[in-house]
Amino acid sequence: MLQCLSAPGKCFSSSVAFASVKKSTSSMGLHNSHPKLYPGDILEFPRNKYFSQFGVYYGERDGVPYVAHLTCRDSETKFVLFGRALNAAIKLDPVDVVGKKYKVNNYLDEKHPPRDFYSHIKAEIEEAMTKPVTYDILFHNSEHQATLLRYGVKKSEQIDKVYAKIVQTWREPFMKKKF
């Protein structure tokens, strides 16, 4: 369940329930995991059992909600070699183009204060859209990019979970030198 405080951008997720993007008469045009999206919110779009795509809610253009996200979608890179793609980019797309289901996941709000959207995040998104970006699943994925924009800190909990599994799996063979 999401708990929303009265201040913009102060929503904390305590579940993994995702909302579907649907047209409605609400001011945002969405049925979502909390009543209203705020520019700068981190949106998480589930992709499979293990990984999600992340982006930063940008606001509306002509009544359509947009999200800024790191993607390799339009590049000529069809195969990501060793988790890296040289031709990635920050894109601004309608929320429902990125995914039909999503949730607000401002999970670092209690550890790092969110930066102001209008004085920091918006300008950084617009500048980043003009530059090439290297996608790296371990060191610069969409979650790293979203937390960097919102908090000024690169963090990826989904990669931290992968590291934890790898360390746990290899610890004993490594200690016994059976690798």
Protein backbone atom coordinates (compact mmCIF):
# COMPACT_ATOMS: atom_id res chain seq x y z
CA MET A 1 0.00 0.00 0.00
CA LEU A 2 1.21 3.51 -0.76
CA GLN A 3 1.05 6.06 1.96
CA CYS A 4 0.84 9.61 0.70
CA LEU A 5 1.61 12.63 2.79
CA SER A 6 0.18 15.99 1.92
CA ALA A 7 3.50 17.25 0.53
CA PRO A 8 4.16 16.64 -3.19
CA GLY A 9 6.53 13.79 -3.92
CA LYS A 10 6.22 12.25 -0.44
CA CYS A 11 4.79 8.84 -1.26
CA PHE A 12 6.27 5.69 0.19
CA SER A 13 5.62 2.21 -1.13
CA SER A 14 5.11 -0.67 1.26
CA SER A 15 3.89 -3.21 -1.29
CA VAL A 16 4.56 -4.36 -4.81
CA ALA A 17 1.06 -3.82 -6.15
CA PHE A 18 1.09 -2.14 -9.54
CA ALA A 19 -1.68 0.00 -10.97
CA SER A 20 -2.93 -0.19 -14.53
CA VAL A 21 -2.92 2.87 -16.73
CA LYS A 22 -6.55 3.57 -17.66
CA LYS A 23 -8.35 6.58 -19.00
CA SER A 24 -10.68 8.20 -16.50
CA THR A 25 -12.13 11.54 -15.59
CA SER A 26 -9.47 12.22 -12.93
CA SER A 27 -7.22 15.23 -13.35
CA MET A 28 -4.28 13.01 -14.32
CA GLY A 29 -6.28 10.70 -16.59
CA LEU A 30 -5.00 7.71 -14.61
CA HIS A 31 -6.10 5.23 -12.00
CA ASN A 32 -2.88 4.89 -10.07
CA SER A 33 -1.34 3.66 -6.85
CA HIS A 34 -1.93 7.07 -5.32
CA PRO A 35 -4.37 9.83 -6.19
CA LYS A 36 -2.04 12.14 -8.10
CA LEU A 37 1.39 11.99 -9.69
CA TYR A 38 3.82 14.79 -8.96
CA PRO A 39 6.64 15.86 -11.29
CA GLY A 40 9.80 14.20 -10.02
CA ASP A 41 8.07 11.02 -8.76
CA ILE A 42 9.90 7.81 -9.68
CA LEU A 43 7.65 5.46 -11.65
CA GLU A 44 8.41 1.73 -11.72
CA PHE A 45 7.13 -0.37 -14.63
CA PRO A 46 7.34 -4.16 -14.08
CA ARG A 47 9.04 -6.02 -16.95
CA ASN A 48 9.38 -9.57 -15.63
CA LYS A 49 9.69 -11.46 -12.35
CA TYR A 50 13.08 -9.91 -11.55
CA PHE A 51 13.42 -6.54 -13.23
CA SER A 52 11.51 -3.30 -13.76
CA GLN A 53 11.97 -0.23 -15.93
CA PHE A 54 12.18 3.07 -14.02
CA GLY A 55 11.55 6.65 -15.04
CA VAL A 56 10.82 10.07 -13.58
CA TYR A 57 7.36 11.57 -13.97
CA TYR A 58 7.75 14.74 -16.04
CA GLY A 59 4.23 16.13 -15.98
CA GLU A 60 1.54 16.56 -18.60
CA ARG A 61 1.68 17.85 -22.15
CA ASP A 62 -1.74 18.53 -23.66
CA GLY A 63 -3.32 16.42 -20.92
CA VAL A 64 -1.06 13.41 -21.56
CA PRO A 65 1.20 12.29 -18.67
CA TYR A 66 4.89 11.92 -19.63
CA VAL A 67 7.83 10.07 -18.10
CA ALA A 68 11.57 10.57 -18.69
CA HIS A 69 13.44 7.26 -18.82
CA LEU A 70 16.69 5.65 -19.96
CA THR A 71 16.12 3.38 -22.94
CA CYS A 72 17.89 1.54 -25.76
CA ARG A 73 14.57 1.22 -27.60
CA ASP A 74 15.29 3.42 -30.62
CA SER A 75 18.98 2.62 -30.97
CA GLU A 76 20.54 0.28 -33.49
CA THR A 77 21.80 -1.82 -30.57
CA LYS A 78 19.60 -4.91 -30.67
CA PHE A 79 21.88 -7.04 -28.50
CA VAL A 80 23.18 -5.74 -25.22
CA LEU A 81 26.70 -7.16 -24.89
CA PHE A 82 27.67 -8.01 -21.30
CA GLY A 83 24.83 -5.83 -20.06
CA ARG A 84 26.06 -2.73 -21.92
CA ALA A 85 24.65 -0.76 -24.82
CA LEU A 86 26.53 2.21 -26.17
CA ASN A 87 23.55 3.79 -27.93
CA ALA A 88 21.14 4.47 -25.11
CA ALA A 89 19.28 7.72 -24.54
CA ILE A 90 17.06 9.56 -22.12
CA LYS A 91 13.61 9.72 -23.74
CA LEU A 92 10.45 11.57 -22.84
CA ASP A 93 7.44 9.36 -23.62
CA PRO A 94 3.78 9.15 -22.62
CA VAL A 95 3.45 6.99 -19.50
CA ASP A 96 1.32 4.38 -21.28
CA VAL A 97 3.97 3.96 -24.01
CA VAL A 98 6.53 2.94 -21.37
CA GLY A 99 4.08 0.59 -19.65
CA LYS A 100 0.44 -0.07 -18.90
CA LYS A 101 1.17 -0.98 -15.27
CA TYR A 102 3.31 1.07 -12.91
CA LYS A 103 3.66 2.29 -9.38
CA VAL A 104 5.18 5.32 -7.71
CA ASN A 105 8.36 4.16 -6.00
CA ASN A 106 10.09 7.05 -4.22
CA TYR A 107 11.91 4.53 -2.03
CA LEU A 108 14.86 6.72 -1.05
CA ASP A 109 12.83 9.69 0.24
CA GLU A 110 13.61 8.87 3.87
CA LYS A 111 17.37 8.54 3.23
CA HIS A 112 17.88 11.29 0.64
CA PRO A 113 15.74 14.41 0.27
CA PRO A 114 14.13 14.63 -3.17
CA ARG A 115 15.48 17.49 -5.24
CA ASP A 116 13.11 20.14 -6.55
CA PHE A 117 11.71 19.21 -9.95
CA TYR A 118 11.52 22.73 -11.39
CA SER A 119 14.91 24.02 -10.20
CA HIS A 120 16.98 20.84 -10.74
CA ILE A 121 15.37 17.74 -12.24
CA LYS A 122 13.57 19.26 -15.25
CA ALA A 123 16.70 21.03 -16.54
CA GLU A 124 18.78 17.87 -16.04
CA ILE A 125 16.25 15.78 -17.98
CA GLU A 126 16.18 18.27 -20.85
CA GLU A 127 19.99 18.44 -20.97
CA ALA A 128 20.37 14.64 -20.72
CA MET A 129 18.02 14.16 -23.69
CA THR A 130 20.56 15.96 -25.91
CA LYS A 131 23.52 13.73 -24.96
CA PRO A 132 24.41 10.11 -25.71
CA VAL A 133 24.26 7.79 -22.70
CA THR A 134 25.85 4.40 -22.11
CA TYR A 135 23.43 1.90 -20.64
CA ASP A 136 25.06 -0.57 -18.25
CA ILE A 137 22.84 -3.02 -16.41
CA LEU A 138 25.15 -3.08 -13.37
CA PHE A 139 26.29 0.54 -13.15
CA HIS A 140 23.89 2.75 -15.14
CA ASN A 141 20.45 1.26 -15.74
CA SER A 142 17.07 3.02 -15.72
CA GLU A 143 16.80 2.76 -11.93
CA HIS A 144 20.24 4.35 -11.47
CA GLN A 145 19.17 7.15 -13.84
CA ALA A 146 15.85 7.75 -12.06
CA THR A 147 17.41 7.93 -8.59
CA LEU A 148 20.20 10.15 -9.92
CA LEU A 149 17.62 12.59 -11.27
CA ARG A 150 15.35 12.58 -8.18
CA TYR A 151 17.98 12.42 -5.42
CA GLY A 152 21.33 13.20 -7.04
CA VAL A 153 22.42 9.65 -6.02
CA LYS A 154 22.77 6.56 -8.25
CA LYS A 155 21.11 3.53 -6.65
CA SER A 156 19.61 0.30 -7.96
CA GLU A 157 17.93 -2.00 -5.45
CA GLN A 158 17.24 -4.60 -8.13
CA ILE A 159 20.97 -4.85 -8.90
CA ASP A 160 21.79 -4.90 -5.17
CA LYS A 161 19.57 -8.00 -4.92
CA VAL A 162 21.46 -9.64 -7.80
CA TYR A 163 24.81 -8.89 -6.12
CA ALA A 164 23.52 -10.39 -2.86
CA LYS A 165 22.55 -13.62 -4.66
CA ILE A 166 25.89 -13.84 -6.47
CA VAL A 167 27.89 -13.31 -3.30
CA GLN A 168 25.77 -15.84 -1.42
CA THR A 169 26.07 -18.42 -4.22
CA TRP A 170 29.84 -18.10 -4.69
CA ARG A 171 30.97 -17.44 -1.12
CA GLU A 172 31.39 -21.08 -0.04
CA PRO A 173 33.11 -22.37 -3.24
CA PHE A 174 35.39 -19.33 -3.23
CA MET A 175 36.36 -19.82 0.42
CA LYS A 176 37.09 -23.51 -0.25
CA LYS A 177 38.82 -22.59 -3.53
CA LYS A 178 36.45 -24.85 -5.46
CA PHE A 179 35.63 -22.58 -8.34
